[in-house]
Amino acid sequence: MRAIRSCEEAQTRASRPGRRRSAAGRRRAGAVALLAALVLAPGGARAADSCAPLSFGGADYVTCAFDARRDDIRLYWKDADGKPYASFAALARALNARGRTLRFAMNAGMFEADLSPVGLFIEDGKRLRKADTRDGASNFHLKPNGVFWIGDGGAGVTETSRFLSNPPAARYATQSGPMLVIDGHIHPKILPTGTSEKTRNGVCVRNGVAAIFAISDEPVTFYAFARFFLESLGCADALFLDGSVSSLYAPELGRNDDLVPLGPMIGVSASAAP
């Protein structure tokens, strides 16, 4: 059986220290304003900030939102020498050498012990790993699972069988699982009676352009995380990226969770200031 790092039954991790709970109203107002500015701004005008904290259902989260029409959202796995980046710091250094600044990064799905991606992985238009449609006992195989993809001026979260039967023009794509929300409904196998609590991260896309990434600041159940995407972020489709190893790089929040070696990463970069 493959060594999928994020299989919850095989992973434990303490919650991150030092997280202070702020007033729920202030967190909610900040995040809602951020998302509204991104999704509703005419012509994709830039929001002042990309990331904001948000409380929902008694738990704290951080959300980061980017516009695929304007922001440079990509997937990264290996460096120029063919070695996995493995850390946000290594990715930031590589981008800096190209005159780019890393604005945001997050682990981009599940991976093997050698940091290779589990399931479909497309980088810069090249399919580096094929889709995994097999059954299995891991979170990844809790079907339906899905694909987060980025194209030219658009992005999406699509259930795997739909993605394969009608592939979008994706320059980047990563398969993960399970889907958290499908067509406006929580995954039928994610139940409110579930008790497993982990730090989790995931992604949804609104209006075909607004990629919204979220990470919990404390252990939460699958159901609580799915509800957060559906009820708080208003996502019709959302994908679970990982649990326990979930990590965020957000310089504007002073956040750099370089805690364990990571496989593929999502990164948003911009031209470095002269």
C-alpha atoms as a PDB file:
ATOM      1  CA  MET A   1       0.000   0.000   0.000  1.00  0.00           C
ATOM      2  CA  ARG A   2       1.319   3.428  -0.887  1.00  0.00           C
ATOM      3  CA  ALA A   3       2.634   5.720   1.840  1.00  0.00           C
ATOM      4  CA  ILE A   4       0.162   8.576   1.447  1.00  0.00           C
ATOM      5  CA  ARG A   5       1.390  11.038   4.039  1.00  0.00           C
ATOM      6  CA  SER A   6      -2.000  12.522   4.766  1.00  0.00           C
ATOM      7  CA  CYS A   7      -3.918   9.350   5.612  1.00  0.00           C
ATOM      8  CA  GLU A   8      -5.467  10.445   8.915  1.00  0.00           C
ATOM      9  CA  GLU A   9      -5.273   7.040  10.527  1.00  0.00           C
ATOM     10  CA  ALA A  10      -1.464   7.204  10.272  1.00  0.00           C
ATOM     11  CA  GLN A  11      -0.888  10.830  11.228  1.00  0.00           C
ATOM     12  CA  THR A  12      -0.955  12.852  14.415  1.00  0.00           C
ATOM     13  CA  ARG A  13       0.158  16.396  15.000  1.00  0.00           C
ATOM     14  CA  ALA A  14      -0.223  18.913  17.812  1.00  0.00           C
ATOM     15  CA  SER A  15      -2.114  22.095  17.067  1.00  0.00           C
ATOM     16  CA  ARG A  16       0.078  25.094  16.360  1.00  0.00           C
ATOM     17  CA  PRO A  17       1.027  27.106  19.440  1.00  0.00           C
ATOM     18  CA  GLY A  18       0.615  30.806  19.736  1.00  0.00           C
ATOM     19  CA  ARG A  19      -2.694  31.189  17.868  1.00  0.00           C
ATOM     20  CA  ARG A  20      -4.785  33.827  19.636  1.00  0.00           C
ATOM     21  CA  ARG A  21      -8.550  33.858  19.206  1.00  0.00           C
ATOM     22  CA  SER A  22      -9.846  37.270  18.163  1.00  0.00           C
ATOM     23  CA  ALA A  23     -13.400  38.527  18.286  1.00  0.00           C
ATOM     24  CA  ALA A  24     -15.505  36.399  15.932  1.00  0.00           C
ATOM     25  CA  GLY A  25     -17.294  39.411  14.494  1.00  0.00           C
ATOM     26  CA  ARG A  26     -14.064  41.139  13.523  1.00  0.00           C
ATOM     27  CA  ARG A  27     -12.711  37.999  11.893  1.00  0.00           C
ATOM     28  CA  ARG A  28     -15.903  37.392   9.939  1.00  0.00           C
ATOM     29  CA  ALA A  29     -16.185  40.999   8.789  1.00  0.00           C
ATOM     30  CA  GLY A  30     -12.572  41.075   7.620  1.00  0.00           C
ATOM     31  CA  ALA A  31     -12.812  37.875   5.606  1.00  0.00           C
ATOM     32  CA  VAL A  32     -16.195  38.657   4.097  1.00  0.00           C
ATOM     33  CA  ALA A  33     -14.945  42.086   3.010  1.00  0.00           C
ATOM     34  CA  LEU A  34     -11.861  40.486   1.465  1.00  0.00           C
ATOM     35  CA  LEU A  35     -13.840  37.946  -0.522  1.00  0.00           C
ATOM     36  CA  ALA A  36     -16.403  40.509  -1.637  1.00  0.00           C
ATOM     37  CA  ALA A  37     -13.646  42.814  -2.840  1.00  0.00           C
ATOM     38  CA  LEU A  38     -12.040  40.034  -4.836  1.00  0.00           C
ATOM     39  CA  VAL A  39     -15.118  38.422  -6.326  1.00  0.00           C
ATOM     40  CA  LEU A  40     -17.223  41.490  -6.958  1.00  0.00           C
ATOM     41  CA  ALA A  41     -14.693  44.188  -7.875  1.00  0.00           C
ATOM     42  CA  PRO A  42     -15.281  45.440 -11.457  1.00  0.00           C
ATOM     43  CA  GLY A  43     -12.739  44.116 -13.915  1.00  0.00           C
ATOM     44  CA  GLY A  44     -10.898  42.121 -11.264  1.00  0.00           C
ATOM     45  CA  ALA A  45      -9.506  45.125  -9.389  1.00  0.00           C
ATOM     46  CA  ARG A  46      -6.971  44.183  -6.749  1.00  0.00           C
ATOM     47  CA  ALA A  47      -8.140  43.773  -3.170  1.00  0.00           C
ATOM     48  CA  ALA A  48      -5.988  45.513  -0.568  1.00  0.00           C
ATOM     49  CA  ASP A  49      -5.071  42.200   1.134  1.00  0.00           C
ATOM     50  CA  SER A  50      -5.131  38.585   0.004  1.00  0.00           C
ATOM     51  CA  CYS A  51      -5.495  36.776   3.344  1.00  0.00           C
ATOM     52  CA  ALA A  52      -7.736  37.267   6.354  1.00  0.00           C
ATOM     53  CA  PRO A  53      -8.744  35.343   9.493  1.00  0.00           C
ATOM     54  CA  LEU A  54     -12.287  34.090   9.919  1.00  0.00           C
ATOM     55  CA  SER A  55     -14.160  32.321  12.706  1.00  0.00           C
ATOM     56  CA  PHE A  56     -16.973  29.875  12.008  1.00  0.00           C
ATOM     57  CA  GLY A  57     -18.679  27.286  14.169  1.00  0.00           C
ATOM     58  CA  GLY A  58     -16.393  27.974  17.108  1.00  0.00           C
ATOM     59  CA  ALA A  59     -13.167  27.398  15.142  1.00  0.00           C
ATOM     60  CA  ASP A  60     -10.614  29.774  13.625  1.00  0.00           C
ATOM     61  CA  TYR A  61      -9.505  29.685  10.013  1.00  0.00           C
ATOM     62  CA  VAL A  62      -7.375  31.712   7.616  1.00  0.00           C
ATOM     63  CA  THR A  63      -8.641  32.314   4.081  1.00  0.00           C
ATOM     64  CA  CYS A  64      -6.577  33.589   1.158  1.00  0.00           C
ATOM     65  CA  ALA A  65      -8.247  34.590  -2.104  1.00  0.00           C
ATOM     66  CA  PHE A  66      -6.769  35.244  -5.535  1.00  0.00           C
ATOM     67  CA  ASP A  67      -8.136  36.104  -8.958  1.00  0.00           C
ATOM     68  CA  ALA A  68      -7.085  33.758 -11.769  1.00  0.00           C
ATOM     69  CA  ARG A  69      -7.544  36.578 -14.303  1.00  0.00           C
ATOM     70  CA  ARG A  70      -4.819  38.614 -12.639  1.00  0.00           C
ATOM     71  CA  ASP A  71      -2.824  36.689 -10.037  1.00  0.00           C
ATOM     72  CA  ASP A  72      -0.061  34.274 -11.028  1.00  0.00           C
ATOM     73  CA  ILE A  73      -1.356  31.040  -9.438  1.00  0.00           C
ATOM     74  CA  ARG A  74       0.761  27.982 -10.153  1.00  0.00           C
ATOM     75  CA  LEU A  75       1.651  24.528  -8.885  1.00  0.00           C
ATOM     76  CA  TYR A  76       5.237  23.665  -7.986  1.00  0.00           C
ATOM     77  CA  TRP A  77       6.869  20.313  -7.320  1.00  0.00           C
ATOM     78  CA  LYS A  78      10.526  20.115  -8.447  1.00  0.00           C
ATOM     79  CA  ASP A  79      13.269  22.681  -8.866  1.00  0.00           C
ATOM     80  CA  ALA A  80      15.579  23.177 -11.847  1.00  0.00           C
ATOM     81  CA  ASP A  81      17.734  20.264 -10.651  1.00  0.00           C
ATOM     82  CA  GLY A  82      14.775  17.899 -10.570  1.00  0.00           C
ATOM     83  CA  LYS A  83      14.560  17.789  -6.780  1.00  0.00           C
ATOM     84  CA  PRO A  84      11.334  18.495  -4.853  1.00  0.00           C
ATOM     85  CA  TYR A  85      11.271  21.981  -3.369  1.00  0.00           C
ATOM     86  CA  ALA A  86      10.054  20.382  -0.109  1.00  0.00           C
ATOM     87  CA  SER A  87       9.683  23.720   1.697  1.00  0.00           C
ATOM     88  CA  PHE A  88       8.224  27.179   1.238  1.00  0.00           C
ATOM     89  CA  ALA A  89      11.663  28.662   1.920  1.00  0.00           C
ATOM     90  CA  ALA A  90      13.220  26.754  -0.982  1.00  0.00           C
ATOM     91  CA  LEU A  91      10.403  27.778  -3.314  1.00  0.00           C
ATOM     92  CA  ALA A  92      10.708  31.426  -2.247  1.00  0.00           C
ATOM     93  CA  ARG A  93      14.465  31.381  -2.905  1.00  0.00           C
ATOM     94  CA  ALA A  94      14.025  29.842  -6.355  1.00  0.00           C
ATOM     95  CA  LEU A  95      11.404  32.402  -7.334  1.00  0.00           C
ATOM     96  CA  ASN A  96      13.522  35.240  -5.987  1.00  0.00           C
ATOM     97  CA  ALA A  97      16.363  34.115  -8.239  1.00  0.00           C
ATOM     98  CA  ARG A  98      13.957  34.598 -11.166  1.00  0.00           C
ATOM     99  CA  GLY A  99      12.958  38.075 -10.042  1.00  0.00           C
ATOM    100  CA  ARG A 100       9.720  36.927  -8.436  1.00  0.00           C
ATOM    101  CA  THR A 101       8.391  37.295  -4.881  1.00  0.00           C
ATOM    102  CA  LEU A 102       6.352  34.527  -3.278  1.00  0.00           C
ATOM    103  CA  ARG A 103       3.142  36.109  -1.960  1.00  0.00           C
ATOM    104  CA  PHE A 104       1.348  32.956  -0.845  1.00  0.00           C
ATOM    105  CA  ALA A 105       1.910  29.201  -0.718  1.00  0.00           C
ATOM    106  CA  MET A 106       0.101  26.143   0.575  1.00  0.00           C
ATOM    107  CA  ASN A 107       0.557  22.380   0.292  1.00  0.00           C
ATOM    108  CA  ALA A 108      -1.214  21.288  -2.886  1.00  0.00           C
ATOM    109  CA  GLY A 109      -2.557  17.839  -2.105  1.00  0.00           C
ATOM    110  CA  MET A 110      -1.439  14.451  -0.931  1.00  0.00           C
ATOM    111  CA  PHE A 111       1.967  12.975  -1.618  1.00  0.00           C
ATOM    112  CA  GLU A 112       4.094   9.884  -1.231  1.00  0.00           C
ATOM    113  CA  ALA A 113       7.053   9.424   1.118  1.00  0.00           C
ATOM    114  CA  ASP A 114       9.378  10.594  -1.686  1.00  0.00           C
ATOM    115  CA  LEU A 115       7.296  13.827  -1.954  1.00  0.00           C
ATOM    116  CA  SER A 116       5.822  12.830  -5.336  1.00  0.00           C
ATOM    117  CA  PRO A 117       2.162  13.730  -5.898  1.00  0.00           C
ATOM    118  CA  VAL A 118      -0.628  11.220  -5.433  1.00  0.00           C
ATOM    119  CA  GLY A 119      -2.952  11.214  -8.436  1.00  0.00           C
ATOM    120  CA  LEU A 120      -3.187  13.612 -11.344  1.00  0.00           C
ATOM    121  CA  PHE A 121      -0.588  16.356 -11.441  1.00  0.00           C
ATOM    122  CA  ILE A 122      -0.152  18.815 -14.312  1.00  0.00           C
ATOM    123  CA  GLU A 123       2.528  21.497 -14.193  1.00  0.00           C
ATOM    124  CA  ASP A 124       2.977  24.107 -16.913  1.00  0.00           C
ATOM    125  CA  GLY A 125       0.807  22.098 -19.307  1.00  0.00           C
ATOM    126  CA  LYS A 126       2.691  18.812 -18.787  1.00  0.00           C
ATOM    127  CA  ARG A 127       1.023  15.815 -17.156  1.00  0.00           C
ATOM    128  CA  LEU A 128       3.612  14.536 -14.692  1.00  0.00           C
ATOM    129  CA  ARG A 129       1.319  12.048 -12.933  1.00  0.00           C
ATOM    130  CA  LYS A 130      -1.830  10.397 -14.242  1.00  0.00           C
ATOM    131  CA  ALA A 131      -5.178  10.411 -12.447  1.00  0.00           C
ATOM    132  CA  ASP A 132      -5.787   7.796  -9.763  1.00  0.00           C
ATOM    133  CA  THR A 133      -9.331   6.436 -10.005  1.00  0.00           C
ATOM    134  CA  ARG A 134      -8.819   3.337  -7.875  1.00  0.00           C
ATOM    135  CA  ASP A 135     -10.694   2.512  -4.694  1.00  0.00           C
ATOM    136  CA  GLY A 136      -8.868   2.560  -1.375  1.00  0.00           C
ATOM    137  CA  ALA A 137      -9.047   3.242   2.354  1.00  0.00           C
ATOM    138  CA  SER A 138      -7.315   6.638   2.480  1.00  0.00           C
ATOM    139  CA  ASN A 139      -8.930  10.070   2.516  1.00  0.00           C
ATOM    140  CA  PHE A 140      -7.807  10.501  -1.094  1.00  0.00           C
ATOM    141  CA  HIS A 141      -9.930   7.523  -2.146  1.00  0.00           C
ATOM    142  CA  LEU A 142     -13.070   8.605  -0.293  1.00  0.00           C
ATOM    143  CA  LYS A 143     -14.973   9.084  -3.533  1.00  0.00           C
ATOM    144  CA  PRO A 144     -15.905  11.277  -5.126  1.00  0.00           C
ATOM    145  CA  ASN A 145     -12.564  13.039  -5.015  1.00  0.00           C
ATOM    146  CA  GLY A 146     -11.652  15.950  -7.250  1.00  0.00           C
ATOM    147  CA  VAL A 147      -9.192  18.149  -9.105  1.00  0.00           C
ATOM    148  CA  PHE A 148      -8.172  21.743  -8.491  1.00  0.00           C
ATOM    149  CA  TRP A 149      -7.033  23.262 -11.769  1.00  0.00           C
ATOM    150  CA  ILE A 150      -5.818  26.584 -13.142  1.00  0.00           C
ATOM    151  CA  GLY A 151      -6.062  27.684 -16.766  1.00  0.00           C
ATOM    152  CA  ASP A 152      -5.480  30.903 -18.643  1.00  0.00           C
ATOM    153  CA  GLY A 153      -7.728  33.419 -16.892  1.00  0.00           C
ATOM    154  CA  GLY A 154      -9.784  30.837 -15.024  1.00  0.00           C
ATOM    155  CA  ALA A 155      -9.727  28.081 -12.419  1.00  0.00           C
ATOM    156  CA  GLY A 156     -11.993  25.437 -10.977  1.00  0.00           C
ATOM    157  CA  VAL A 157     -12.640  22.567  -8.601  1.00  0.00           C
ATOM    158  CA  THR A 158     -14.096  19.634 -10.517  1.00  0.00           C
ATOM    159  CA  GLU A 159     -15.061  16.118  -9.448  1.00  0.00           C
ATOM    160  CA  THR A 160     -12.492  13.707 -10.913  1.00  0.00           C
ATOM    161  CA  SER A 161     -14.742  11.723 -13.274  1.00  0.00           C
ATOM    162  CA  ARG A 162     -16.169  14.956 -14.693  1.00  0.00           C
ATOM    163  CA  PHE A 163     -12.689  16.404 -15.142  1.00  0.00           C
ATOM    164  CA  LEU A 164     -11.518  13.306 -17.025  1.00  0.00           C
ATOM    165  CA  SER A 165     -14.610  13.037 -19.233  1.00  0.00           C
ATOM    166  CA  ASN A 166     -14.538  16.706 -20.222  1.00  0.00           C
ATOM    167  CA  PRO A 167     -11.065  18.097 -19.442  1.00  0.00           C
ATOM    168  CA  PRO A 168     -10.785  21.873 -19.109  1.00  0.00           C
ATOM    169  CA  ALA A 169      -7.845  23.740 -20.612  1.00  0.00           C
ATOM    170  CA  ALA A 170      -5.739  23.322 -17.477  1.00  0.00           C
ATOM    171  CA  ARG A 171      -2.118  24.477 -17.337  1.00  0.00           C
ATOM    172  CA  TYR A 172      -1.902  23.282 -13.745  1.00  0.00           C
ATOM    173  CA  ALA A 173      -3.920  20.621 -11.923  1.00  0.00           C
ATOM    174  CA  THR A 174      -3.711  18.559  -8.746  1.00  0.00           C
ATOM    175  CA  GLN A 175      -5.974  15.696  -7.720  1.00  0.00           C
ATOM    176  CA  SER A 176      -6.917  15.222  -4.085  1.00  0.00           C
ATOM    177  CA  GLY A 177      -9.773  13.952  -2.002  1.00  0.00           C
ATOM    178  CA  PRO A 178     -12.328  13.811  -0.859  1.00  0.00           C
ATOM    179  CA  MET A 179     -14.466  16.535  -2.328  1.00  0.00           C
ATOM    180  CA  LEU A 180     -15.841  18.486   0.616  1.00  0.00           C
ATOM    181  CA  VAL A 181     -18.746  20.099  -1.205  1.00  0.00           C
ATOM    182  CA  ILE A 182     -20.294  18.883  -4.475  1.00  0.00           C
ATOM    183  CA  ASP A 183     -22.918  20.897  -6.361  1.00  0.00           C
ATOM    184  CA  GLY A 184     -23.821  22.805  -3.208  1.00  0.00           C
ATOM    185  CA  HIS A 185     -24.067  19.749  -0.943  1.00  0.00           C
ATOM    186  CA  ILE A 186     -21.649  18.287   1.576  1.00  0.00           C
ATOM    187  CA  HIS A 187     -20.019  15.023   0.435  1.00  0.00           C
ATOM    188  CA  PRO A 188     -22.508  12.237   1.294  1.00  0.00           C
ATOM    189  CA  LYS A 189     -19.884  10.245   3.210  1.00  0.00           C
ATOM    190  CA  ILE A 190     -18.790  13.192   5.370  1.00  0.00           C
ATOM    191  CA  LEU A 191     -21.100  12.901   8.351  1.00  0.00           C
ATOM    192  CA  PRO A 192     -21.802  15.233  11.296  1.00  0.00           C
ATOM    193  CA  THR A 193     -21.128  12.294  13.634  1.00  0.00           C
ATOM    194  CA  GLY A 194     -17.454  12.099  12.612  1.00  0.00           C
ATOM    195  CA  THR A 195     -15.035  12.662  15.500  1.00  0.00           C
ATOM    196  CA  SER A 196     -11.580  12.768  13.865  1.00  0.00           C
ATOM    197  CA  GLU A 197     -10.142  16.269  14.307  1.00  0.00           C
ATOM    198  CA  LYS A 198      -7.110  17.447  12.334  1.00  0.00           C
ATOM    199  CA  THR A 199      -5.631  20.686  11.088  1.00  0.00           C
ATOM    200  CA  ARG A 200      -6.986  20.822   7.530  1.00  0.00           C
ATOM    201  CA  ASN A 201      -6.648  22.840   4.339  1.00  0.00           C
ATOM    202  CA  GLY A 202      -8.670  22.996   1.145  1.00  0.00           C
ATOM    203  CA  VAL A 203      -9.701  25.076  -1.845  1.00  0.00           C
ATOM    204  CA  CYS A 204     -12.753  26.230  -3.744  1.00  0.00           C
ATOM    205  CA  VAL A 205     -13.304  28.468  -6.764  1.00  0.00           C
ATOM    206  CA  ARG A 206     -16.131  30.975  -7.074  1.00  0.00           C
ATOM    207  CA  ASN A 207     -17.387  32.466 -10.343  1.00  0.00           C
ATOM    208  CA  GLY A 208     -14.770  30.495 -12.264  1.00  0.00           C
ATOM    209  CA  VAL A 209     -12.005  32.948 -11.324  1.00  0.00           C
ATOM    210  CA  ALA A 210     -11.785  33.458  -7.535  1.00  0.00           C
ATOM    211  CA  ALA A 211      -9.579  30.768  -5.993  1.00  0.00           C
ATOM    212  CA  ILE A 212     -10.175  30.672  -2.235  1.00  0.00           C
ATOM    213  CA  PHE A 213      -7.772  28.707  -0.053  1.00  0.00           C
ATOM    214  CA  ALA A 214      -8.511  27.944   3.592  1.00  0.00           C
ATOM    215  CA  ILE A 215      -6.641  26.379   6.491  1.00  0.00           C
ATOM    216  CA  SER A 216      -7.899  25.715   9.988  1.00  0.00           C
ATOM    217  CA  ASP A 217      -5.917  27.190  12.864  1.00  0.00           C
ATOM    218  CA  GLU A 218      -6.937  24.293  15.064  1.00  0.00           C
ATOM    219  CA  PRO A 219      -8.051  20.673  14.628  1.00  0.00           C
ATOM    220  CA  VAL A 220     -11.536  20.364  13.117  1.00  0.00           C
ATOM    221  CA  THR A 221     -13.646  17.491  11.804  1.00  0.00           C
ATOM    222  CA  PHE A 222     -14.235  16.857   8.122  1.00  0.00           C
ATOM    223  CA  TYR A 223     -17.863  17.899   8.542  1.00  0.00           C
ATOM    224  CA  ALA A 224     -16.977  21.181  10.245  1.00  0.00           C
ATOM    225  CA  PHE A 225     -14.472  21.943   7.485  1.00  0.00           C
ATOM    226  CA  ALA A 226     -16.999  21.150   4.755  1.00  0.00           C
ATOM    227  CA  ARG A 227     -19.608  23.354   6.448  1.00  0.00           C
ATOM    228  CA  PHE A 228     -17.096  26.192   6.554  1.00  0.00           C
ATOM    229  CA  PHE A 229     -16.676  26.099   2.776  1.00  0.00           C
ATOM    230  CA  LEU A 230     -20.389  25.698   2.090  1.00  0.00           C
ATOM    231  CA  GLU A 231     -21.958  28.041   4.620  1.00  0.00           C
ATOM    232  CA  SER A 232     -19.270  30.608   5.390  1.00  0.00           C
ATOM    233  CA  LEU A 233     -17.471  30.907   2.042  1.00  0.00           C
ATOM    234  CA  GLY A 234     -20.492  30.110  -0.135  1.00  0.00           C
ATOM    235  CA  CYS A 235     -18.673  27.522  -2.262  1.00  0.00           C
ATOM    236  CA  ALA A 236     -20.694  25.187  -4.477  1.00  0.00           C
ATOM    237  CA  ASP A 237     -17.704  22.858  -4.937  1.00  0.00           C
ATOM    238  CA  ALA A 238     -14.745  22.505  -2.568  1.00  0.00           C
ATOM    239  CA  LEU A 239     -11.820  20.114  -2.350  1.00  0.00           C
ATOM    240  CA  PHE A 240      -9.902  18.780   0.647  1.00  0.00           C
ATOM    241  CA  LEU A 241      -6.164  19.165   0.098  1.00  0.00           C
ATOM    242  CA  ASP A 242      -4.677  17.606   3.213  1.00  0.00           C
ATOM    243  CA  GLY A 243      -4.810  17.127   6.956  1.00  0.00           C
ATOM    244  CA  SER A 244      -2.178  17.144   9.713  1.00  0.00           C
ATOM    245  CA  VAL A 245       0.603  18.343   7.368  1.00  0.00           C
ATOM    246  CA  SER A 246      -1.496  21.350   6.296  1.00  0.00           C
ATOM    247  CA  SER A 247       0.749  24.411   5.972  1.00  0.00           C
ATOM    248  CA  LEU A 248       0.463  28.054   4.952  1.00  0.00           C
ATOM    249  CA  TYR A 249       2.923  30.694   3.752  1.00  0.00           C
ATOM    250  CA  ALA A 250       1.409  34.173   4.004  1.00  0.00           C
ATOM    251  CA  PRO A 251       3.999  36.933   4.585  1.00  0.00           C
ATOM    252  CA  GLU A 252       1.321  39.606   5.022  1.00  0.00           C
ATOM    253  CA  LEU A 253       0.176  37.698   8.132  1.00  0.00           C
ATOM    254  CA  GLY A 254       3.712  36.853   9.269  1.00  0.00           C
ATOM    255  CA  ARG A 255       2.915  33.208   8.622  1.00  0.00           C
ATOM    256  CA  ASN A 256       5.394  30.557   7.471  1.00  0.00           C
ATOM    257  CA  ASP A 257       4.431  27.006   8.460  1.00  0.00           C
ATOM    258  CA  ASP A 258       7.606  25.290   7.238  1.00  0.00           C
ATOM    259  CA  LEU A 259       7.063  22.412   9.647  1.00  0.00           C
ATOM    260  CA  VAL A 260       7.528  19.231   7.580  1.00  0.00           C
ATOM    261  CA  PRO A 261       8.841  18.405   4.099  1.00  0.00           C
ATOM    262  CA  LEU A 262       6.062  18.964   1.571  1.00  0.00           C
ATOM    263  CA  GLY A 263       5.293  17.507  -1.825  1.00  0.00           C
ATOM    264  CA  PRO A 264       3.614  19.684  -4.465  1.00  0.00           C
ATOM    265  CA  MET A 265       2.764  23.246  -3.458  1.00  0.00           C
ATOM    266  CA  ILE A 266       0.425  25.956  -4.668  1.00  0.00           C
ATOM    267  CA  GLY A 267       2.182  29.278  -5.028  1.00  0.00           C
ATOM    268  CA  VAL A 268       1.193  32.817  -5.963  1.00  0.00           C
ATOM    269  CA  SER A 269       4.020  35.124  -6.975  1.00  0.00           C
ATOM    270  CA  ALA A 270       4.521  38.642  -8.267  1.00  0.00           C
ATOM    271  CA  SER A 271       7.351  40.575  -9.884  1.00  0.00           C
ATOM    272  CA  ALA A 272       9.877  41.569  -7.264  1.00  0.00           C
ATOM    273  CA  ALA A 273      10.072  45.281  -6.473  1.00  0.00           C
ATOM    274  CA  PRO A 274      13.097  46.927  -8.172  1.00  0.00           C
END
